[in-house]
Protein backbone atom coordinates (compact mmCIF):
# COMPACT_ATOMS: atom_id res chain seq x y z
CA MET A 1 -89.22 -3.73 72.17
CA ASN A 2 -91.79 -2.26 69.81
CA THR A 3 -90.70 -1.25 66.31
CA ASP A 4 -93.94 0.21 64.97
CA SER A 5 -92.80 3.80 65.44
CA LEU A 6 -89.49 3.38 63.62
CA PRO A 7 -89.18 5.45 60.45
CA GLU A 8 -88.79 3.83 57.04
CA GLU A 9 -85.65 5.84 56.38
CA PRO A 10 -81.90 5.19 56.34
CA GLY A 11 -79.93 5.46 59.56
CA CYS A 12 -78.15 3.61 62.36
CA TYR A 13 -79.71 1.60 65.17
CA ILE A 14 -78.13 0.96 68.57
CA TYR A 15 -79.08 -1.93 70.84
CA ARG A 16 -78.37 -1.22 74.53
CA ASP A 17 -78.20 -3.42 77.60
CA SER A 18 -79.95 -2.85 80.94
CA VAL A 19 -77.57 -0.05 81.94
CA GLY A 20 -77.67 1.69 78.54
CA THR A 21 -74.33 0.43 77.20
CA PRO A 22 -74.35 -0.16 73.41
CA VAL A 23 -74.02 -3.89 72.70
CA TYR A 24 -74.60 -3.77 68.93
CA ILE A 25 -74.64 -1.01 66.31
CA GLY A 26 -75.91 -1.50 62.80
CA LYS A 27 -76.90 0.46 59.73
CA ALA A 28 -80.03 0.22 57.63
CA LYS A 29 -81.44 1.48 54.37
CA ASN A 30 -84.85 1.18 56.02
CA LEU A 31 -84.68 1.35 59.83
CA LYS A 32 -88.13 -0.10 60.44
CA LYS A 33 -87.64 -3.14 58.18
CA ARG A 34 -84.14 -3.87 59.42
CA VAL A 35 -84.85 -3.66 63.17
CA SER A 36 -88.15 -5.53 62.79
CA SER A 37 -86.31 -8.39 61.11
CA TYR A 38 -84.59 -9.17 64.42
CA PHE A 39 -87.93 -10.23 65.89
CA THR A 40 -89.01 -12.60 63.11
CA GLY A 41 -87.56 -15.87 61.89
CA SER A 42 -84.45 -17.63 63.16
CA HIS A 43 -81.04 -16.09 63.76
CA ASP A 44 -77.47 -17.21 64.25
CA PRO A 45 -76.23 -17.88 67.82
CA LYS A 46 -74.39 -14.55 68.05
CA THR A 47 -77.51 -12.55 67.13
CA ASN A 48 -79.61 -14.57 69.60
CA ALA A 49 -77.05 -13.86 72.32
CA MET A 50 -77.15 -10.16 71.53
CA LEU A 51 -80.96 -10.09 71.64
CA GLY A 52 -80.79 -11.90 74.96
CA VAL A 53 -78.95 -9.03 76.63
CA ALA A 54 -80.50 -6.12 74.69
CA GLU A 55 -83.08 -4.25 76.75
CA ASP A 56 -83.71 -1.26 74.50
CA PHE A 57 -82.70 0.31 71.22
CA ASP A 58 -82.05 3.79 69.91
CA TYR A 59 -81.63 5.10 66.39
CA ILE A 60 -80.34 8.06 64.39
CA VAL A 61 -81.88 9.01 61.06
CA THR A 62 -79.45 9.98 58.29
CA ARG A 63 -79.97 11.59 54.90
CA SER A 64 -78.70 8.62 52.91
CA GLU A 65 -77.47 5.06 53.16
CA THR A 66 -73.95 6.36 52.59
CA GLU A 67 -74.21 8.60 55.65
CA ALA A 68 -75.47 5.60 57.61
CA LEU A 69 -72.38 3.62 56.59
CA ILE A 70 -70.02 6.34 57.76
CA LEU A 71 -71.95 6.97 60.97
CA GLU A 72 -71.98 3.24 61.77
CA ASN A 73 -68.21 3.12 61.33
CA ASN A 74 -67.71 6.07 63.68
CA LEU A 75 -70.10 4.80 66.36
CA ILE A 76 -68.58 1.32 66.39
CA LYS A 77 -65.08 2.76 66.77
CA ARG A 78 -66.28 5.04 69.57
CA TYR A 79 -68.25 2.50 71.62
CA GLN A 80 -66.67 -0.87 70.65
CA PRO A 81 -69.95 -2.82 71.13
CA LYS A 82 -69.54 -6.38 72.35
CA TYR A 83 -71.47 -8.03 69.51
CA ASN A 84 -69.98 -6.07 66.62
CA ILE A 85 -66.90 -7.30 64.80
CA ASP A 86 -63.71 -6.24 66.61
CA LEU A 87 -62.60 -3.20 64.63
CA ARG A 88 -59.55 -2.26 66.69
CA ASP A 89 -57.29 -3.16 63.78
CA SER A 90 -59.60 -2.02 61.03
CA LYS A 91 -59.01 0.97 58.83
CA ASN A 92 -61.18 3.97 58.12
CA TYR A 93 -62.60 4.60 54.70
CA ALA A 94 -59.97 6.08 52.41
CA TYR A 95 -59.26 9.78 51.97
CA ILE A 96 -57.94 11.87 49.13
CA HIS A 97 -54.68 13.34 50.39
CA ILE A 98 -52.77 16.38 49.15
CA THR A 99 -49.34 16.34 50.74
CA GLY A 100 -47.26 19.25 51.96
CA GLY A 101 -43.99 20.47 50.44
CA LYS A 102 -42.95 22.67 47.51
CA PHE A 103 -44.75 20.57 44.90
CA PRO A 104 -47.46 18.60 46.72
CA ARG A 105 -48.68 15.31 45.30
CA ILE A 106 -52.27 14.05 45.27
CA GLY A 107 -53.10 10.49 46.19
CA ILE A 108 -55.01 8.14 48.50
CA ALA A 109 -54.49 7.74 52.26
CA ARG A 110 -56.09 5.10 54.48
CA ARG A 111 -55.64 7.11 57.64
CA LYS A 112 -54.61 10.58 58.69
CA GLY A 113 -51.10 11.15 59.94
CA ASP A 114 -48.76 12.84 57.51
CA SER A 115 -48.75 16.56 56.78
CA GLY A 116 -51.04 18.05 54.18
CA GLU A 117 -54.82 18.07 53.79
CA TYR A 118 -57.28 15.18 53.79
CA PHE A 119 -60.68 15.02 52.11
CA GLY A 120 -63.34 12.39 52.69
CA PRO A 121 -63.69 9.70 53.82
CA PHE A 122 -65.18 7.97 50.76
CA VAL A 123 -67.33 4.89 51.25
CA SER A 124 -67.29 4.00 47.56
CA ALA A 125 -63.83 3.19 46.19
CA LYS A 126 -65.16 3.66 42.67
CA GLU A 127 -66.43 7.14 43.40
CA ARG A 128 -63.23 8.04 45.27
CA ASP A 129 -61.02 6.92 42.40
CA TYR A 130 -63.14 8.78 39.87
CA VAL A 131 -63.03 11.98 41.94
CA LEU A 132 -59.28 11.62 42.42
CA SER A 133 -58.77 11.10 38.70
CA VAL A 134 -60.86 14.10 37.71
CA VAL A 135 -59.26 16.48 40.21
CA ARG A 136 -55.78 15.26 39.37
CA LYS A 137 -56.31 15.62 35.62
CA THR A 138 -58.23 18.90 35.88
CA PHE A 139 -55.52 20.63 37.90
CA ARG A 140 -52.60 18.56 36.50
CA LEU A 141 -51.24 17.73 39.95
CA ARG A 142 -48.46 15.17 40.26
CA SER A 143 -49.20 11.74 41.70
CA CYS A 144 -45.68 10.25 41.65
CA ARG A 145 -44.20 9.40 45.05
CA LYS A 146 -40.74 10.66 44.09
CA LEU A 147 -40.09 13.81 42.11
CA ARG A 148 -37.80 12.39 39.46
CA LYS A 149 -35.93 14.58 36.97
CA ARG A 150 -37.58 13.23 33.88
CA ALA A 151 -41.06 13.60 32.42
CA CYS A 152 -43.49 10.69 32.71
CA LEU A 153 -46.30 9.53 30.47
CA ARG A 154 -48.84 11.73 32.27
CA TYR A 155 -46.96 14.85 31.17
CA HIS A 156 -47.03 13.72 27.55
CA MET A 157 -50.76 13.01 27.91
CA GLY A 158 -51.33 16.52 29.22
CA THR A 159 -52.61 15.45 32.66
CA CYS A 160 -49.58 16.55 34.72
CA SER A 161 -47.88 19.98 34.88
CA ALA A 162 -44.46 18.25 35.20
CA PRO A 163 -42.78 20.15 38.04
CA CYS A 164 -40.14 17.40 37.86
CA ILE A 165 -38.61 18.97 34.72
CA GLY A 166 -39.34 22.59 35.60
CA GLN A 167 -42.34 23.01 33.30
CA ILE A 168 -44.20 24.99 36.01
CA SER A 169 -43.04 27.34 38.72
CA ALA A 170 -43.64 26.69 42.41
CA GLU A 171 -45.93 29.72 42.51
CA ASP A 172 -48.11 28.56 39.60
CA TYR A 173 -48.18 25.04 40.96
CA SER A 174 -49.32 26.36 44.35
CA ASP A 175 -52.16 28.14 42.56
CA LEU A 176 -53.27 24.83 41.02
CA VAL A 177 -53.11 23.19 44.46
CA ARG A 178 -55.15 26.03 45.95
CA LYS A 179 -57.89 25.54 43.33
CA ALA A 180 -57.90 21.77 43.86
CA VAL A 181 -58.20 22.19 47.64
CA SER A 182 -61.02 24.69 47.15
CA VAL A 183 -62.97 22.23 45.03
CA LEU A 184 -62.36 19.30 47.37
CA LYS A 185 -63.69 21.43 50.21
CA GLY A 186 -66.86 22.01 48.24
CA ASN A 187 -66.10 25.53 46.98
CA ASN A 188 -66.54 24.44 43.41
CA SER A 189 -68.14 27.45 41.72
CA GLU A 190 -64.84 28.72 40.30
CA ILE A 191 -63.80 25.50 38.59
CA ILE A 192 -67.32 24.73 37.37
CA SER A 193 -67.49 28.17 35.75
CA SER A 194 -64.12 27.56 34.09
CA LEU A 195 -65.10 24.11 32.86
CA LYS A 196 -68.40 25.40 31.50
CA GLU A 197 -66.51 27.96 29.41
CA GLU A 198 -64.21 25.23 28.14
CA MET A 199 -67.14 22.99 27.29
CA ALA A 200 -68.89 25.81 25.45
CA GLY A 201 -65.72 26.49 23.45
CA LEU A 202 -65.34 22.83 22.54
CA SER A 203 -68.97 22.60 21.50
CA ALA A 204 -68.62 25.72 19.33
CA ALA A 205 -65.60 24.10 17.69
CA ARG A 206 -67.72 20.98 17.16
CA GLU A 207 -65.35 18.88 19.27
CA PHE A 208 -68.24 17.07 20.86
CA GLU A 209 -66.34 14.10 22.26
CA LYS A 210 -63.99 16.39 24.20
CA ALA A 211 -66.98 18.48 25.30
CA MET A 212 -68.59 15.32 26.73
CA VAL A 213 -65.43 14.58 28.69
CA VAL A 214 -65.51 18.08 30.18
CA ARG A 215 -69.21 17.63 30.93
CA ASP A 216 -68.36 14.50 32.94
CA GLN A 217 -65.69 16.49 34.78
CA ILE A 218 -68.28 19.11 35.72
CA THR A 219 -70.56 16.37 37.03
CA ALA A 220 -67.74 14.88 39.09
CA VAL A 221 -66.77 18.25 40.58
CA ARG A 222 -70.40 18.87 41.49
CA HIS A 223 -70.44 15.54 43.32
CA LEU A 224 -67.62 16.81 45.48
CA SER A 225 -69.89 19.50 46.89
CA GLU A 226 -72.30 16.83 48.13
CA ARG A 227 -70.24 16.35 51.28
CA GLN A 228 -71.32 14.00 54.03
CA HIS A 229 -73.22 15.78 56.78
CA ILE A 230 -72.20 13.40 59.55
CA ASP A 231 -68.46 12.85 58.96
CA GLN A 232 -66.85 16.06 57.81
CA ARG A 233 -63.46 15.79 59.55
CA LYS A 234 -63.37 19.40 60.61
CA ASP A 235 -60.83 20.93 62.95
CA THR A 236 -63.49 22.29 65.30
CA ASP A 237 -66.01 20.75 67.67
CA GLU A 238 -69.67 21.57 67.24
CA ASP A 239 -72.93 21.14 69.08
CA ILE A 240 -76.03 21.35 66.91
CA ILE A 241 -79.26 22.04 68.82
CA ASN A 242 -82.77 22.24 67.46
CA TYR A 243 -86.24 21.93 68.94
CA THR A 244 -89.96 21.71 68.30
CA VAL A 245 -92.76 23.01 70.55
CA ARG A 246 -96.15 21.29 70.73
CA ASP A 247 -98.93 21.95 73.23
CA GLY A 248 -96.64 23.88 75.53
CA ILE A 249 -93.96 21.15 75.54
CA MET A 250 -90.48 21.67 74.11
CA TYR A 251 -88.90 18.65 72.42
CA LEU A 252 -85.19 19.33 72.04
CA MET A 253 -82.31 17.36 70.59
CA LEU A 254 -78.56 17.98 70.75
CA PHE A 255 -75.97 16.45 68.42
CA SER A 256 -72.35 16.69 69.59
CA VAL A 257 -69.80 16.56 66.77
CA TYR A 258 -66.14 16.01 67.70
CA LYS A 259 -63.61 16.71 64.94
CA GLY A 260 -66.36 16.18 62.42
CA THR A 261 -67.54 12.88 63.93
CA LEU A 262 -70.92 12.51 65.61
CA GLY A 263 -70.13 11.65 69.22
CA GLU A 264 -73.53 11.49 70.87
CA LYS A 265 -77.18 12.41 70.61
CA LYS A 266 -79.13 13.73 73.58
CA GLU A 267 -82.87 14.24 73.91
CA PHE A 268 -84.75 16.55 76.28
CA VAL A 269 -88.45 17.18 76.97
CA PHE A 270 -89.69 19.94 79.27
CA ASP A 271 -92.46 22.48 79.74
CA CYS A 272 -92.02 25.42 77.43
CA ASP A 273 -92.55 29.09 78.08
CA GLU A 274 -90.92 32.27 76.85
CA GLY A 275 -87.19 31.97 77.38
CA SER A 276 -87.10 28.18 77.84
CA PHE A 277 -84.64 27.66 74.98
CA GLY A 278 -82.13 30.15 76.36
CA GLU A 279 -82.58 28.81 79.89
CA PHE A 280 -81.82 25.30 78.67
CA ILE A 281 -78.58 26.38 76.97
CA ILE A 282 -77.39 28.29 80.04
CA GLN A 283 -78.12 25.37 82.40
CA TYR A 284 -76.75 22.71 80.07
CA TYR A 285 -73.40 24.42 79.50
CA ALA A 286 -73.06 25.26 83.16
CA GLU A 287 -72.50 21.50 83.59
CA ASN A 288 -71.03 20.58 80.19
CA GLU A 289 -68.05 22.12 78.42
CA PRO A 290 -69.18 24.27 75.47
CA PRO A 291 -67.90 23.38 71.99
CA ARG A 292 -65.93 25.76 69.83
CA GLU A 293 -69.05 26.36 67.76
CA LEU A 294 -72.71 26.15 68.67
CA ILE A 295 -75.19 25.87 65.80
CA LEU A 296 -78.70 27.01 66.73
CA PRO A 297 -81.99 27.86 64.99
CA GLU A 298 -81.96 31.23 66.78
CA ILE A 299 -79.87 33.21 69.27
CA PRO A 300 -81.86 33.39 72.54
CA ASP A 301 -79.60 36.00 74.18
CA GLU A 302 -77.14 38.51 72.75
CA ALA A 303 -74.71 37.79 75.57
CA LEU A 304 -74.68 34.03 74.85
CA GLU A 305 -71.32 34.00 73.03
CA ASP A 306 -69.60 35.88 75.86
CA TYR A 307 -71.19 33.59 78.45
CA LEU A 308 -70.06 30.40 76.70
CA SER A 309 -66.61 31.84 75.98
CA SER A 310 -66.12 32.66 79.66
CA ILE A 311 -66.94 29.07 80.61
CA LYS A 312 -64.69 27.51 77.98
CA GLY A 313 -61.82 29.96 78.45
CA MET A 314 -61.61 30.66 74.73
CA LYS A 315 -63.77 32.08 71.97
CA VAL A 316 -67.03 30.19 71.32
CA ARG A 317 -68.87 30.98 68.13
CA VAL A 318 -72.67 30.86 68.00
CA THR A 319 -74.05 30.40 64.48
CA VAL A 320 -77.58 30.63 63.10
CA PRO A 321 -77.17 29.33 59.52
CA GLN A 322 -79.66 30.26 56.84
CA LYS A 323 -78.31 27.98 54.10
CA GLY A 324 -75.51 25.62 53.26
CA GLU A 325 -73.88 22.75 55.11
CA LYS A 326 -74.59 23.96 58.65
CA LYS A 327 -78.25 24.61 57.86
CA ALA A 328 -78.42 21.04 56.54
CA LEU A 329 -77.06 19.79 59.87
CA LEU A 330 -79.66 21.83 61.76
CA ASP A 331 -82.39 20.39 59.53
CA LEU A 332 -81.07 16.87 60.14
CA VAL A 333 -81.46 17.35 63.91
CA LYS A 334 -85.01 18.61 63.34
CA LYS A 335 -85.73 15.56 61.23
CA ASN A 336 -84.57 13.29 64.05
CA ILE A 337 -86.78 15.19 66.51
CA GLU A 338 -89.82 14.57 64.34
CA SER A 339 -88.92 10.91 63.97
CA VAL A 340 -88.02 10.18 67.60
CA PHE A 341 -90.73 12.17 69.38
CA PHE A 342 -93.59 12.18 66.87
CA GLY A 343 -93.05 9.03 64.83
CA GLY A 344 -95.87 7.40 66.79
CA GLU A 345 -98.62 9.69 65.50
CA ALA A 346 -99.72 7.11 62.91
CA LYS A 347 -100.27 4.62 65.75
CA VAL A 348 -102.34 7.18 67.63
CA GLU A 349 -104.57 7.79 64.62
CA ARG A 350 -105.05 4.05 64.05
CA LEU A 351 -106.05 3.65 67.71
CA ARG A 352 -108.49 6.56 67.44
CA LYS A 353 -110.25 4.86 64.54
CA ALA A 354 -110.24 1.43 66.21
CA LEU A 355 -111.87 2.86 69.36
CA HIS A 356 -114.21 5.16 67.39
CA LEU A 357 -113.01 8.22 69.29
CA THR A 358 -113.97 11.69 68.09
CA GLU A 359 -110.73 13.24 69.37
CA SER A 360 -107.20 11.98 68.84
CA PRO A 361 -105.81 10.24 71.98
CA ASP A 362 -102.57 12.23 71.90
CA VAL A 363 -102.07 11.80 75.66
CA ILE A 364 -102.73 8.33 77.03
CA GLU A 365 -102.35 7.23 80.65
CA CYS A 366 -102.24 3.56 81.61
CA PHE A 367 -102.55 2.00 85.09
CA ASP A 368 -101.27 -1.33 86.40
CA ILE A 369 -101.12 -3.02 89.82
CA SER A 370 -98.25 -5.20 90.99
CA HIS A 371 -97.77 -7.31 94.11
CA LEU A 372 -96.02 -10.43 95.36
CA SER A 373 -98.31 -12.76 97.32
CA GLY A 374 -100.24 -9.79 98.61
CA THR A 375 -97.18 -7.89 99.80
CA ALA A 376 -95.70 -4.63 98.52
CA MET A 377 -98.88 -3.70 96.67
CA VAL A 378 -98.06 -0.88 94.27
CA GLY A 379 -99.65 0.88 91.36
CA SER A 380 -98.02 2.42 88.32
CA MET A 381 -99.12 4.95 85.76
CA VAL A 382 -97.27 5.59 82.52
CA GLN A 383 -98.03 8.33 80.06
CA PHE A 384 -97.66 8.16 76.28
CA ARG A 385 -97.66 11.42 74.38
CA TYR A 386 -98.08 11.37 70.60
CA GLY A 387 -97.40 7.65 70.62
CA LYS A 388 -94.16 7.86 72.64
CA PRO A 389 -93.42 7.25 76.33
CA ASP A 390 -93.24 10.52 78.27
CA LYS A 391 -91.24 9.33 81.27
CA ARG A 392 -91.24 12.66 83.05
CA ASN A 393 -94.97 12.09 83.65
CA TYR A 394 -94.72 8.53 84.97
CA ARG A 395 -96.13 8.10 88.47
CA ARG A 396 -95.84 5.44 91.19
CA PHE A 397 -98.44 4.74 93.88
CA ARG A 398 -98.00 2.80 97.09
CA ILE A 399 -101.39 1.29 97.90
CA LYS A 400 -102.58 2.77 101.21
CA ALA A 401 -106.26 1.94 101.74
CA VAL A 402 -106.42 -1.69 100.50
CA GLU A 403 -105.52 -4.74 102.56
CA GLY A 404 -104.57 -8.06 101.00
CA ILE A 405 -104.90 -8.85 97.32
CA ASP A 406 -107.63 -6.77 95.72
CA ASP A 407 -106.77 -5.53 92.24
CA PHE A 408 -110.20 -3.95 91.78
CA ALA A 409 -109.96 -1.80 94.90
CA SER A 410 -106.31 -0.99 94.17
CA ILE A 411 -107.14 0.25 90.69
CA ALA A 412 -109.95 2.36 92.14
CA GLU A 413 -107.57 3.88 94.68
CA VAL A 414 -104.81 4.90 92.26
CA VAL A 415 -107.23 6.20 89.61
CA GLY A 416 -109.07 8.24 92.23
CA ARG A 417 -105.84 9.64 93.67
CA ARG A 418 -104.44 10.51 90.25
CA TYR A 419 -107.38 12.46 88.86
CA SER A 420 -108.57 14.09 92.07
CA ARG A 421 -105.09 15.62 92.27
CA LEU A 422 -105.09 16.75 88.63
CA ILE A 423 -108.50 18.35 89.10
CA LYS A 424 -107.36 20.08 92.29
CA GLU A 425 -104.24 21.43 90.52
CA GLU A 426 -106.25 22.30 87.38
CA ALA A 427 -103.69 20.32 85.41
CA GLU A 428 -103.98 18.74 81.96
CA LEU A 429 -106.14 15.61 81.76
CA PRO A 430 -105.34 12.77 79.34
CA ASP A 431 -107.31 12.00 76.19
CA LEU A 432 -107.62 8.28 76.99
CA ILE A 433 -107.22 6.08 80.08
CA VAL A 434 -106.13 2.45 79.72
CA ILE A 435 -106.54 -0.04 82.58
CA ASP A 436 -104.58 -3.28 82.74
CA GLY A 437 -107.22 -5.93 83.34
CA GLY A 438 -110.67 -7.06 82.35
CA LYS A 439 -114.23 -5.87 82.94
CA GLY A 440 -113.82 -5.84 86.74
CA GLN A 441 -110.84 -3.49 86.73
CA LEU A 442 -112.56 -1.32 84.10
CA SER A 443 -115.70 -1.04 86.26
CA SER A 444 -113.63 -0.05 89.31
CA ALA A 445 -111.82 2.69 87.40
CA LEU A 446 -115.02 3.95 85.80
CA GLY A 447 -116.70 4.23 89.20
CA GLU A 448 -113.95 6.53 90.48
CA LEU A 449 -114.06 8.68 87.34
CA GLU A 450 -117.84 9.07 87.68
CA LYS A 451 -117.43 10.19 91.30
CA LEU A 452 -115.00 12.87 90.11
CA ASP A 453 -117.28 13.76 87.16
CA VAL A 454 -114.39 13.16 84.75
CA GLY A 455 -115.57 12.43 81.22
CA ILE A 456 -112.40 10.84 79.84
CA PRO A 457 -112.71 7.77 77.57
CA VAL A 458 -111.55 4.69 79.47
CA ILE A 459 -110.87 1.14 78.27
CA SER A 460 -109.22 -1.98 79.69
CA LEU A 461 -106.91 -4.55 78.14
CA ALA A 462 -107.08 -8.14 79.39
CA LYS A 463 -103.76 -9.99 79.20
CA ARG A 464 -104.74 -13.52 78.17
CA GLU A 465 -106.27 -12.79 74.76
CA GLU A 466 -105.42 -9.09 74.63
CA GLU A 467 -109.15 -8.32 74.66
CA VAL A 468 -110.21 -4.67 74.71
CA PHE A 469 -113.22 -3.80 76.87
CA VAL A 470 -115.13 -0.52 76.83
CA PRO A 471 -117.88 0.71 79.19
CA GLY A 472 -121.41 -0.36 78.31
CA MET A 473 -120.40 -3.43 76.28
CA SER A 474 -120.36 -6.94 77.75
CA SER A 475 -118.21 -8.32 74.96
CA PRO A 476 -114.76 -7.09 73.95
CA LEU A 477 -114.24 -5.01 70.85
CA PRO A 478 -113.73 -7.02 67.65
CA LEU A 479 -110.06 -6.06 67.54
CA LYS A 480 -107.50 -8.71 66.62
CA LYS A 481 -104.50 -8.86 68.95
CA ASN A 482 -102.08 -8.47 66.05
CA ASP A 483 -103.85 -5.36 64.76
CA LYS A 484 -101.61 -2.31 64.96
CA ALA A 485 -104.03 -0.53 67.30
CA SER A 486 -104.01 -3.54 69.64
CA LEU A 487 -100.21 -3.81 69.44
CA PHE A 488 -99.97 -0.16 70.44
CA LEU A 489 -102.19 -0.79 73.47
CA GLN A 490 -100.06 -3.82 74.37
CA GLU A 491 -96.93 -1.67 74.16
CA ILE A 492 -98.46 0.86 76.58
CA ARG A 493 -99.72 -1.86 78.95
CA ASP A 494 -96.36 -3.67 78.95
CA GLU A 495 -94.56 -0.44 79.83
CA ALA A 496 -96.96 0.16 82.75
CA HIS A 497 -96.39 -3.41 83.89
CA ARG A 498 -92.61 -3.04 83.69
CA PHE A 499 -92.75 0.21 85.64
CA ALA A 500 -94.97 -1.31 88.34
CA ILE A 501 -92.73 -4.37 88.75
CA SER A 502 -89.62 -2.20 89.07
CA TYR A 503 -91.27 -0.24 91.90
CA ASN A 504 -92.44 -3.44 93.55
CA ARG A 505 -88.90 -4.81 93.51
CA LEU A 506 -87.56 -1.56 94.91
CA LEU A 507 -89.95 -1.68 97.87
CA ARG A 508 -89.24 -5.36 98.56
CA SER A 509 -85.49 -4.73 98.51
CA LYS A 510 -85.93 -1.87 100.99
CA GLU A 511 -88.02 -4.09 103.25
CA ALA A 512 -85.38 -6.83 103.11
CA PHE A 513 -82.70 -4.28 103.97
CA ASP A 514 -84.74 -2.99 106.91
CA GLU A 515 -85.18 -6.56 108.20
CA ASP A 516 -81.43 -7.07 108.10
C-alpha cells in the first residue's frame, strides 16, 4: 500500500480487507503522516494483526481535526470494524438539549431520546459548557430539573427569567426559547446585532468590564454558527454530488448523508460528453433510492425533481447552493475529488524530472507477464492516470503465439497487440510505457513499438535492485530505489504484477475445474 499520494490534511482513514470490509477506522490531523507511520517502526500485536489482514485503505478529507473526530465516531458506529475498540456501549458526544413543555429547560444530553431539540454534538466539553453557559445566561433560560415555586440564586444574579415564581409569562418565555433555538441553529445575526448594541451602550457608559463580557458573548455566539459540516443531525437525508472534468474524463464523487451523518462515499470515473452528468444521475437513481434532498453544482435537467420524486414516491428537492452550509458541503466533496483522483500529480512531476521527459507522463501504462512453470501464460496492463490507478482501463492478455517460458516474446506479443489496436481505433496513446523486467524485456517492447512507428517513451524496471533502464543506455539510470520517482514506478509495477497474478490464478482455477 503506497501512501505517497495521501494529502497532508485532516481526515479519516479506513483500512479494508480483501473483500472491502472495513477492519480499522482512524482519524488523523495529517493523513499522510499518520497512515505512513503504520509502515515504519514496530507496533503492538493488535496493530500487526490488523496490518496482516488489511489489503487496501481509503480516506476522507475533512475541514478540521474536529470534523475528523466526529466522522470517525460515526463511521466506527456504522461499520463496527474488527480492530477498533468495541463501541457498542459507548456514548455519542454530548448535545445541548432544550426540552419541550410550557417552560423548557436547557441542559446537556448524552444521547437523543426525549422530546425537544438537540444541538451538536460537541467534541470539546469545554467549548460545549461555555456555549451552554452563554446561551443560558444570554436568554435567561432555566436549567433546573424541577420547576420549584421559589427563586434560585440564578434569578438573583440576573441569569434566569424565573418562570418558577411567575416573573415571566409563557408567551415571553417562548420568545426567549425561540431566539435561543435560532442561535443554536446558526441563525445568529439577530442576537449578535442585539449584543453589539448592548456592548456599544456599555462602552459609551464607560462600563468597560461589562462590555468585555458582552464581547465574549458575541464571540461565543459566533462560534455557534461554525457548525460541523459532517455531523449536522438533520431530519432529512441528503446526497451531495460534485465532479471535475479533465481531458474528456469525468471524475465524480457522491457523499450520502443519513440524518446528518455521513454514511458512505462513492467514486465514479467515466468518459465525459455533453449530458454525462445528467445521464449519471438518471442511471444511478434508477438503481438507488433517491434522498429527500439532492445537492448538486448544477441542475442538468429541469424535469429532474419530478423524475426523482416519482421514483421515491414523495417530494425530492434538488438544490444548487450558492453560499452557506450546503455550498460548504459541495466544496468539501470537490476537495475530496481533487485529493483522491489528482493527489498523485506531484509524483508524476517528480517522475517527469527523473526521466528527463519534455511532457508530463499523465497517462502511464505498465506491462507484466505471469506464469506458473510455463503454464497459464498471461500478460497484464495497468493504467495510471494523473498518478492514480485507472482500473477501467486495465487489460488482460492470454498469450497466444508463444510456447513455453519466454518472457521476451510474451512482452513483445502483448505490447504489439495493445498498441496496434489503439492505432486501429484511433484511441488515446499513453505518455509513458513501463515494462516489468530488465534490458531484454525493454528491447522486446521497443522492437514492437518501432514496427508500429509509435514514438512513446518506454522504460523498464528490473525487480532485484529496482533499476530503471531506458533505450540507448547500457547502464541503468542513477536513480536510487528509495527516491520518490522510483517508488512511484515500483507502485505501478507492483499493481501490474498483482493484476497479472490474479488473472493467472483465475485461468488455473478454470483449468482445474475443467479437469474435474
